[in-house]
N, C-alpha and C. Protein backbone atom coordinates (compact mmCIF):
# COMPACT_ATOMS: atom_id res chain seq x y z
N MET A 1 0.84 -1.17 0.00
CA MET A 1 0.00 0.00 0.00
C MET A 1 0.89 1.24 0.00
N GLU A 2 0.51 2.24 -0.75
CA GLU A 2 1.29 3.46 -0.85
C GLU A 2 1.19 4.26 0.44
N SER A 3 2.31 4.76 0.90
CA SER A 3 2.36 5.55 2.12
C SER A 3 1.94 6.99 1.82
N ILE A 4 1.54 7.70 2.86
CA ILE A 4 1.23 9.11 2.70
C ILE A 4 2.57 9.83 2.63
N LYS A 5 2.83 10.52 1.53
CA LYS A 5 4.13 11.13 1.31
C LYS A 5 4.23 12.50 1.96
N THR A 6 5.43 12.84 2.43
CA THR A 6 5.67 14.12 3.07
C THR A 6 6.30 15.08 2.07
N TYR A 7 6.11 16.37 2.32
CA TYR A 7 6.60 17.36 1.37
C TYR A 7 7.56 18.36 1.99
N LYS A 8 7.55 18.53 3.29
CA LYS A 8 8.40 19.53 3.92
C LYS A 8 9.40 18.84 4.85
N PRO A 9 10.68 18.75 4.45
CA PRO A 9 11.66 18.07 5.30
C PRO A 9 12.22 18.95 6.40
N THR A 10 11.64 20.15 6.62
CA THR A 10 12.14 21.05 7.64
C THR A 10 11.04 21.43 8.63
N PHE A 11 11.47 21.87 9.80
CA PHE A 11 10.56 22.43 10.80
C PHE A 11 10.55 23.93 10.56
N ARG A 12 9.37 24.48 10.34
CA ARG A 12 9.26 25.93 10.05
C ARG A 12 8.25 26.57 10.97
N THR A 13 8.51 27.82 11.34
CA THR A 13 7.55 28.60 12.10
C THR A 13 7.10 29.78 11.26
N TYR A 14 5.83 30.15 11.41
CA TYR A 14 5.24 31.24 10.64
C TYR A 14 4.49 32.17 11.56
N SER A 15 4.80 33.46 11.50
CA SER A 15 4.06 34.46 12.27
C SER A 15 2.73 34.72 11.58
N VAL A 16 1.72 35.06 12.36
CA VAL A 16 0.39 35.33 11.83
C VAL A 16 0.09 36.81 12.06
N LYS A 17 -0.38 37.49 11.00
CA LYS A 17 -0.72 38.91 11.09
C LYS A 17 -2.23 39.09 10.98
N ALA A 18 -2.71 40.20 11.52
CA ALA A 18 -4.13 40.57 11.42
C ALA A 18 -4.34 41.22 10.06
N GLY A 19 -4.67 40.42 9.05
CA GLY A 19 -4.83 40.93 7.69
C GLY A 19 -3.50 41.07 6.99
N ARG A 20 -3.54 41.45 5.72
CA ARG A 20 -2.30 41.54 4.93
C ARG A 20 -1.30 42.54 5.49
N GLU A 21 -1.78 43.69 5.92
CA GLU A 21 -0.88 44.74 6.42
C GLU A 21 -0.98 44.89 7.94
N GLY A 22 -1.66 43.97 8.59
CA GLY A 22 -1.92 44.09 10.02
C GLY A 22 -0.72 43.82 10.91
N LYS A 23 -0.95 44.07 12.16
CA LYS A 23 0.08 43.84 13.17
C LYS A 23 0.20 42.34 13.44
N PRO A 24 1.39 41.91 13.85
CA PRO A 24 1.56 40.50 14.19
C PRO A 24 0.67 40.10 15.37
N LEU A 25 0.05 38.95 15.26
CA LEU A 25 -0.78 38.41 16.34
C LEU A 25 0.10 37.54 17.24
N PRO A 26 -0.34 37.30 18.47
CA PRO A 26 0.47 36.46 19.37
C PRO A 26 0.30 34.97 19.07
N ILE A 27 0.34 34.64 17.79
CA ILE A 27 0.18 33.25 17.34
C ILE A 27 1.31 32.92 16.39
N ILE A 28 1.92 31.79 16.59
CA ILE A 28 2.94 31.31 15.65
C ILE A 28 2.52 29.91 15.23
N LEU A 29 2.44 29.68 13.92
CA LEU A 29 2.11 28.36 13.39
C LEU A 29 3.41 27.62 13.11
N CYS A 30 3.45 26.36 13.44
CA CYS A 30 4.63 25.54 13.19
C CYS A 30 4.24 24.44 12.22
N ASP A 31 5.12 24.14 11.28
CA ASP A 31 4.85 23.11 10.28
C ASP A 31 6.01 22.13 10.27
N THR A 32 5.68 20.86 10.18
CA THR A 32 6.71 19.83 10.14
C THR A 32 6.50 18.95 8.91
N MET A 33 7.46 18.11 8.65
CA MET A 33 7.23 17.09 7.65
C MET A 33 6.18 16.13 8.20
N GLY A 34 5.52 15.41 7.34
CA GLY A 34 4.44 14.53 7.76
C GLY A 34 4.93 13.21 8.31
N LEU A 35 3.97 12.40 8.68
CA LEU A 35 4.26 11.06 9.19
C LEU A 35 4.22 10.06 8.05
N GLU A 36 5.03 9.05 8.15
CA GLU A 36 4.99 7.94 7.19
C GLU A 36 5.01 6.64 7.99
N GLU A 37 4.48 5.60 7.37
CA GLU A 37 4.33 4.34 8.11
C GLU A 37 5.64 3.63 8.41
N SER A 38 6.61 3.69 7.51
CA SER A 38 7.83 2.91 7.72
C SER A 38 8.79 3.62 8.67
N LYS A 39 9.50 2.81 9.43
CA LYS A 39 10.49 3.34 10.37
C LYS A 39 11.62 3.98 9.57
N GLY A 40 12.11 5.12 10.03
CA GLY A 40 13.18 5.80 9.32
C GLY A 40 12.68 6.66 8.18
N ALA A 41 11.36 6.82 8.05
CA ALA A 41 10.78 7.67 7.00
C ALA A 41 9.80 8.63 7.66
N GLY A 42 9.72 9.83 7.15
CA GLY A 42 8.82 10.82 7.73
C GLY A 42 9.33 11.31 9.07
N LEU A 43 8.50 12.03 9.77
CA LEU A 43 8.85 12.61 11.06
C LEU A 43 9.07 11.51 12.10
N ASP A 44 10.19 11.59 12.81
CA ASP A 44 10.51 10.62 13.86
C ASP A 44 9.71 10.98 15.11
N VAL A 45 9.16 9.99 15.76
CA VAL A 45 8.36 10.22 16.97
C VAL A 45 9.19 10.93 18.04
N GLU A 46 10.48 10.66 18.11
CA GLU A 46 11.34 11.33 19.10
C GLU A 46 11.47 12.82 18.81
N ASP A 47 11.43 13.21 17.54
CA ASP A 47 11.48 14.63 17.20
C ASP A 47 10.24 15.37 17.71
N ILE A 48 9.13 14.66 17.84
CA ILE A 48 7.90 15.27 18.34
C ILE A 48 8.13 15.86 19.73
N SER A 49 8.79 15.13 20.60
CA SER A 49 9.05 15.63 21.96
C SER A 49 9.88 16.91 21.92
N SER A 50 10.89 16.94 21.07
CA SER A 50 11.72 18.14 20.94
C SER A 50 10.91 19.33 20.45
N ILE A 51 10.02 19.09 19.51
CA ILE A 51 9.17 20.17 18.99
C ILE A 51 8.24 20.67 20.09
N LEU A 52 7.55 19.75 20.76
CA LEU A 52 6.57 20.12 21.78
C LEU A 52 7.21 20.92 22.91
N LYS A 53 8.40 20.53 23.31
CA LYS A 53 9.06 21.18 24.45
C LYS A 53 9.83 22.44 24.05
N GLY A 54 9.86 22.77 22.74
CA GLY A 54 10.49 24.00 22.29
C GLY A 54 11.98 23.91 22.02
N HIS A 55 12.53 22.71 21.96
CA HIS A 55 13.97 22.55 21.74
C HIS A 55 14.36 22.69 20.26
N MET A 56 13.42 22.51 19.35
CA MET A 56 13.73 22.49 17.92
C MET A 56 13.81 23.91 17.35
N PRO A 57 14.91 24.26 16.68
CA PRO A 57 15.03 25.59 16.09
C PRO A 57 14.25 25.71 14.78
N ASN A 58 13.88 26.94 14.44
CA ASN A 58 13.21 27.20 13.16
C ASN A 58 14.15 26.79 12.02
N CYS A 59 13.59 26.27 10.97
CA CYS A 59 14.31 25.84 9.76
C CYS A 59 15.19 24.61 10.00
N TYR A 60 14.93 23.88 11.05
CA TYR A 60 15.69 22.65 11.32
C TYR A 60 15.41 21.64 10.21
N GLN A 61 16.46 21.06 9.67
CA GLN A 61 16.35 20.05 8.62
C GLN A 61 16.23 18.68 9.29
N PHE A 62 15.07 18.03 9.10
CA PHE A 62 14.85 16.73 9.72
C PHE A 62 15.74 15.66 9.10
N ASN A 63 16.14 14.72 9.95
CA ASN A 63 16.83 13.52 9.51
C ASN A 63 16.04 12.36 10.09
N PRO A 64 15.22 11.69 9.26
CA PRO A 64 14.34 10.63 9.77
C PRO A 64 15.07 9.48 10.48
N THR A 65 16.37 9.33 10.22
CA THR A 65 17.10 8.23 10.86
C THR A 65 17.86 8.67 12.11
N ALA A 66 17.92 9.99 12.38
CA ALA A 66 18.63 10.50 13.55
C ALA A 66 17.89 11.71 14.11
N PRO A 67 17.06 11.51 15.14
CA PRO A 67 16.31 12.63 15.70
C PRO A 67 17.21 13.68 16.36
N LEU A 68 16.66 14.87 16.56
CA LEU A 68 17.36 15.97 17.23
C LEU A 68 17.78 15.52 18.63
N HIS A 69 18.99 15.91 19.05
CA HIS A 69 19.45 15.58 20.40
C HIS A 69 20.14 16.81 20.99
N THR A 70 20.50 16.73 22.25
CA THR A 70 21.02 17.90 22.98
C THR A 70 22.29 18.49 22.37
N GLU A 71 23.03 17.71 21.61
CA GLU A 71 24.26 18.21 21.00
C GLU A 71 24.07 18.65 19.55
N SER A 72 22.85 18.57 19.05
CA SER A 72 22.58 18.98 17.66
C SER A 72 22.73 20.49 17.51
N HIS A 73 23.17 20.92 16.33
CA HIS A 73 23.30 22.35 16.03
C HIS A 73 21.94 23.03 16.15
N GLY A 74 21.88 24.10 16.92
CA GLY A 74 20.65 24.86 17.07
C GLY A 74 19.72 24.38 18.17
N TYR A 75 20.03 23.26 18.81
CA TYR A 75 19.18 22.73 19.88
C TYR A 75 19.02 23.78 20.97
N ARG A 76 17.78 24.09 21.32
CA ARG A 76 17.52 25.07 22.39
C ARG A 76 17.54 24.34 23.73
N LYS A 77 18.55 24.61 24.53
CA LYS A 77 18.67 23.93 25.83
C LYS A 77 17.66 24.48 26.85
N SER A 78 17.36 25.77 26.77
CA SER A 78 16.41 26.41 27.69
C SER A 78 15.39 27.20 26.88
N PRO A 79 14.41 26.52 26.28
CA PRO A 79 13.44 27.22 25.43
C PRO A 79 12.53 28.15 26.23
N ALA A 80 12.18 29.27 25.61
CA ALA A 80 11.24 30.22 26.21
C ALA A 80 9.82 29.69 26.02
N VAL A 81 8.87 30.27 26.73
CA VAL A 81 7.47 29.86 26.60
C VAL A 81 7.01 29.99 25.15
N LYS A 82 7.47 31.04 24.45
CA LYS A 82 7.06 31.26 23.06
C LYS A 82 7.58 30.17 22.11
N ASP A 83 8.60 29.44 22.52
CA ASP A 83 9.16 28.37 21.69
C ASP A 83 8.42 27.05 21.83
N LYS A 84 7.64 26.92 22.90
CA LYS A 84 6.94 25.67 23.18
C LYS A 84 5.60 25.61 22.44
N ILE A 85 5.13 24.41 22.22
CA ILE A 85 3.85 24.19 21.53
C ILE A 85 2.72 24.22 22.56
N HIS A 86 1.66 24.96 22.23
CA HIS A 86 0.53 25.12 23.15
C HIS A 86 -0.74 24.46 22.62
N CYS A 87 -0.73 24.00 21.37
CA CYS A 87 -1.85 23.26 20.79
C CYS A 87 -1.31 22.49 19.59
N VAL A 88 -1.71 21.24 19.45
CA VAL A 88 -1.28 20.42 18.32
C VAL A 88 -2.47 20.20 17.39
N ALA A 89 -2.27 20.50 16.11
CA ALA A 89 -3.31 20.25 15.10
C ALA A 89 -2.80 19.20 14.12
N TYR A 90 -3.56 18.13 13.98
CA TYR A 90 -3.26 17.08 13.01
C TYR A 90 -4.12 17.37 11.79
N VAL A 91 -3.53 17.44 10.61
CA VAL A 91 -4.28 17.67 9.37
C VAL A 91 -4.37 16.34 8.64
N ILE A 92 -5.62 15.84 8.49
CA ILE A 92 -5.83 14.52 7.90
C ILE A 92 -6.82 14.62 6.75
N ASP A 93 -6.47 14.02 5.63
CA ASP A 93 -7.30 13.98 4.44
C ASP A 93 -8.40 12.93 4.64
N ALA A 94 -9.67 13.38 4.63
CA ALA A 94 -10.81 12.46 4.85
C ALA A 94 -10.88 11.36 3.80
N THR A 95 -10.36 11.62 2.60
CA THR A 95 -10.42 10.60 1.55
C THR A 95 -9.40 9.49 1.78
N LYS A 96 -8.49 9.67 2.76
CA LYS A 96 -7.44 8.68 3.01
C LYS A 96 -7.60 7.95 4.35
N VAL A 97 -8.55 8.37 5.18
CA VAL A 97 -8.70 7.75 6.51
C VAL A 97 -8.94 6.25 6.42
N SER A 98 -9.81 5.84 5.51
CA SER A 98 -10.16 4.41 5.43
C SER A 98 -9.03 3.54 4.89
N ILE A 99 -8.02 4.15 4.28
CA ILE A 99 -6.89 3.37 3.75
C ILE A 99 -5.59 3.64 4.52
N MET A 100 -5.71 4.26 5.69
CA MET A 100 -4.53 4.57 6.48
C MET A 100 -3.88 3.27 6.96
N PRO A 101 -2.58 3.10 6.69
CA PRO A 101 -1.89 1.89 7.12
C PRO A 101 -1.87 1.75 8.65
N PRO A 102 -2.02 0.54 9.16
CA PRO A 102 -2.02 0.32 10.62
C PRO A 102 -0.76 0.85 11.31
N LYS A 103 0.39 0.74 10.68
CA LYS A 103 1.64 1.23 11.29
C LYS A 103 1.59 2.75 11.48
N LEU A 104 0.95 3.44 10.54
CA LEU A 104 0.81 4.89 10.65
C LEU A 104 -0.15 5.23 11.78
N GLU A 105 -1.22 4.47 11.91
CA GLU A 105 -2.16 4.67 13.02
C GLU A 105 -1.45 4.46 14.36
N GLU A 106 -0.59 3.46 14.44
CA GLU A 106 0.16 3.20 15.67
C GLU A 106 1.06 4.39 16.01
N LYS A 107 1.73 4.95 14.99
CA LYS A 107 2.59 6.11 15.19
C LYS A 107 1.78 7.28 15.73
N MET A 108 0.60 7.50 15.14
CA MET A 108 -0.25 8.60 15.57
C MET A 108 -0.71 8.40 17.02
N GLU A 109 -0.99 7.18 17.40
CA GLU A 109 -1.41 6.89 18.78
C GLU A 109 -0.28 7.18 19.76
N VAL A 110 0.95 6.83 19.41
CA VAL A 110 2.11 7.11 20.26
C VAL A 110 2.25 8.63 20.44
N ILE A 111 2.11 9.36 19.34
CA ILE A 111 2.22 10.82 19.40
C ILE A 111 1.10 11.40 20.26
N ARG A 112 -0.13 10.92 20.06
CA ARG A 112 -1.27 11.41 20.83
C ARG A 112 -1.01 11.24 22.34
N ARG A 113 -0.46 10.09 22.71
CA ARG A 113 -0.16 9.83 24.12
C ARG A 113 0.91 10.78 24.65
N LYS A 114 1.97 11.02 23.84
CA LYS A 114 3.04 11.95 24.25
C LYS A 114 2.47 13.35 24.49
N VAL A 115 1.63 13.79 23.57
CA VAL A 115 1.02 15.12 23.68
C VAL A 115 0.12 15.19 24.91
N ASN A 116 -0.66 14.14 25.14
CA ASN A 116 -1.52 14.08 26.33
C ASN A 116 -0.72 14.19 27.62
N LEU A 117 0.41 13.47 27.69
CA LEU A 117 1.24 13.50 28.89
C LEU A 117 1.74 14.90 29.21
N LEU A 118 1.93 15.71 28.17
CA LEU A 118 2.39 17.09 28.37
C LEU A 118 1.23 18.05 28.61
N GLY A 119 -0.01 17.55 28.55
CA GLY A 119 -1.17 18.39 28.81
C GLY A 119 -1.46 19.40 27.72
N ILE A 120 -1.05 19.11 26.50
CA ILE A 120 -1.25 20.03 25.38
C ILE A 120 -2.55 19.68 24.67
N PRO A 121 -3.44 20.67 24.45
CA PRO A 121 -4.68 20.39 23.71
C PRO A 121 -4.38 19.92 22.29
N GLN A 122 -5.25 19.06 21.75
CA GLN A 122 -5.08 18.52 20.40
C GLN A 122 -6.37 18.64 19.62
N LEU A 123 -6.23 18.84 18.32
CA LEU A 123 -7.39 18.79 17.45
C LEU A 123 -6.98 18.24 16.10
N VAL A 124 -7.95 17.68 15.40
CA VAL A 124 -7.73 17.14 14.06
C VAL A 124 -8.50 18.01 13.09
N LEU A 125 -7.83 18.47 12.04
CA LEU A 125 -8.50 19.16 10.95
C LEU A 125 -8.71 18.12 9.86
N LEU A 126 -9.93 17.68 9.71
CA LEU A 126 -10.27 16.67 8.71
C LEU A 126 -10.61 17.40 7.42
N THR A 127 -9.69 17.33 6.44
CA THR A 127 -9.87 18.06 5.18
C THR A 127 -10.56 17.19 4.13
N LYS A 128 -11.01 17.83 3.09
CA LYS A 128 -11.63 17.18 1.93
C LYS A 128 -12.86 16.35 2.29
N VAL A 129 -13.60 16.79 3.32
CA VAL A 129 -14.81 16.07 3.70
C VAL A 129 -15.85 16.13 2.58
N ASP A 130 -15.79 17.20 1.78
CA ASP A 130 -16.72 17.34 0.66
C ASP A 130 -16.40 16.32 -0.44
N GLU A 131 -15.14 15.95 -0.59
CA GLU A 131 -14.76 14.95 -1.59
C GLU A 131 -15.04 13.53 -1.08
N ALA A 132 -15.03 13.36 0.23
CA ALA A 132 -15.22 12.03 0.82
C ALA A 132 -16.68 11.61 0.86
N CYS A 133 -17.60 12.58 0.87
CA CYS A 133 -19.02 12.25 1.06
C CYS A 133 -19.90 13.11 0.16
N PRO A 134 -20.66 12.48 -0.77
CA PRO A 134 -21.54 13.23 -1.68
C PRO A 134 -22.58 14.08 -0.94
N LEU A 135 -23.09 13.59 0.18
CA LEU A 135 -24.08 14.35 0.96
C LEU A 135 -23.49 15.68 1.43
N VAL A 136 -22.25 15.64 1.84
CA VAL A 136 -21.56 16.85 2.32
C VAL A 136 -21.18 17.74 1.14
N LYS A 137 -20.84 17.12 0.01
CA LYS A 137 -20.49 17.91 -1.18
C LYS A 137 -21.68 18.76 -1.62
N ASP A 138 -22.89 18.21 -1.51
CA ASP A 138 -24.09 18.95 -1.88
C ASP A 138 -24.33 20.14 -0.96
N ASP A 139 -24.06 19.97 0.31
CA ASP A 139 -24.29 21.04 1.29
C ASP A 139 -23.43 20.75 2.52
N LEU A 140 -22.44 21.60 2.75
CA LEU A 140 -21.49 21.39 3.84
C LEU A 140 -22.19 21.28 5.20
N ARG A 141 -23.35 21.89 5.33
CA ARG A 141 -24.08 21.80 6.61
C ARG A 141 -24.52 20.37 6.91
N ASN A 142 -24.51 19.50 5.91
CA ASN A 142 -24.89 18.10 6.11
C ASN A 142 -23.81 17.29 6.83
N ILE A 143 -22.69 17.91 7.09
CA ILE A 143 -21.57 17.17 7.69
C ILE A 143 -21.96 16.52 9.02
N TYR A 144 -22.82 17.19 9.77
CA TYR A 144 -23.21 16.65 11.08
C TYR A 144 -24.28 15.58 10.98
N ASN A 145 -24.83 15.39 9.78
CA ASN A 145 -25.84 14.35 9.55
C ASN A 145 -25.29 13.18 8.75
N SER A 146 -24.04 13.26 8.36
CA SER A 146 -23.44 12.23 7.50
C SER A 146 -22.97 11.03 8.32
N GLY A 147 -23.61 9.89 8.09
CA GLY A 147 -23.19 8.65 8.73
C GLY A 147 -21.80 8.24 8.27
N TYR A 148 -21.49 8.51 6.98
CA TYR A 148 -20.18 8.15 6.44
C TYR A 148 -19.07 8.92 7.16
N ILE A 149 -19.25 10.23 7.33
CA ILE A 149 -18.23 11.04 8.01
C ILE A 149 -18.11 10.60 9.47
N LYS A 150 -19.23 10.31 10.11
CA LYS A 150 -19.19 9.82 11.50
C LYS A 150 -18.39 8.52 11.59
N ASP A 151 -18.61 7.61 10.63
CA ASP A 151 -17.84 6.36 10.61
C ASP A 151 -16.35 6.62 10.42
N LEU A 152 -16.00 7.60 9.56
CA LEU A 152 -14.60 7.95 9.37
C LEU A 152 -13.99 8.44 10.68
N LEU A 153 -14.72 9.29 11.37
CA LEU A 153 -14.23 9.83 12.64
C LEU A 153 -14.01 8.72 13.66
N ASP A 154 -14.91 7.76 13.68
CA ASP A 154 -14.78 6.65 14.62
C ASP A 154 -13.56 5.78 14.31
N LYS A 155 -13.11 5.79 13.06
CA LYS A 155 -11.96 4.96 12.65
C LYS A 155 -10.62 5.60 13.00
N THR A 156 -10.59 6.91 13.18
CA THR A 156 -9.31 7.56 13.44
C THR A 156 -8.94 7.44 14.91
N VAL A 157 -7.65 7.23 15.18
CA VAL A 157 -7.17 7.10 16.56
C VAL A 157 -7.30 8.42 17.31
N LEU A 158 -7.52 9.49 16.58
CA LEU A 158 -7.62 10.82 17.18
C LEU A 158 -9.06 11.29 17.21
N ASN A 159 -10.01 10.38 17.25
CA ASN A 159 -11.42 10.71 17.03
C ASN A 159 -12.04 11.63 18.07
N ARG A 160 -11.40 11.87 19.18
CA ARG A 160 -11.99 12.76 20.18
C ARG A 160 -11.60 14.22 19.97
N CYS A 161 -10.83 14.53 18.96
CA CYS A 161 -10.38 15.91 18.78
C CYS A 161 -10.46 16.34 17.32
N VAL A 162 -11.58 16.04 16.65
CA VAL A 162 -11.71 16.29 15.22
C VAL A 162 -12.51 17.56 14.93
N VAL A 163 -11.99 18.38 14.01
CA VAL A 163 -12.72 19.52 13.45
C VAL A 163 -12.81 19.24 11.96
N GLN A 164 -14.02 19.15 11.42
CA GLN A 164 -14.20 18.79 10.01
C GLN A 164 -14.15 20.04 9.13
N MET A 165 -13.49 19.92 7.98
CA MET A 165 -13.36 21.06 7.07
C MET A 165 -13.52 20.60 5.63
N GLU A 166 -14.06 21.50 4.79
CA GLU A 166 -13.98 21.24 3.36
C GLU A 166 -12.64 21.81 2.92
N GLU A 167 -12.24 21.59 1.69
CA GLU A 167 -10.96 22.10 1.21
C GLU A 167 -11.01 23.62 1.22
N VAL A 168 -10.00 24.24 1.79
CA VAL A 168 -9.94 25.69 1.89
C VAL A 168 -8.90 26.20 0.90
N SER A 169 -9.28 27.18 0.09
CA SER A 169 -8.33 27.78 -0.85
C SER A 169 -7.79 29.07 -0.26
N VAL A 170 -6.48 29.24 -0.37
CA VAL A 170 -5.85 30.45 0.16
C VAL A 170 -5.39 31.31 -0.99
């Protein structure tokens, strides 16, 4: 079965502004490479702890076979509050939930537990719900009445923290 491929091999942070010319908001979005089912591919579960605790520097180049450690270049030994993660958002394609490999689900469960232990809120952004369900494609308000979407949510290991979305164009 084909794995979910990752596109960003670096850890990046992005400041958020109030509108195009607005002032910076007290929100920073962080983006990582994605998860993959095979060991040594995609984001390493050990790197998750470094990200959550604020040790990972911006623009860090991931190495799936060697996670960040205390002697790595740029490792933050004493991260500030602004460097730490205060909410984790998982972005999952609704059209791929039913074909998610078991090994990938196991990885996600390990990550969910790590995040829980740190007391960090979690949510799932379920994208492409309109492509996954014809009822929802006809009218997005039908999302809460869709048995198919409910079944998808029940299948995900992160089912208690899901926010459903149609595809958003920026």
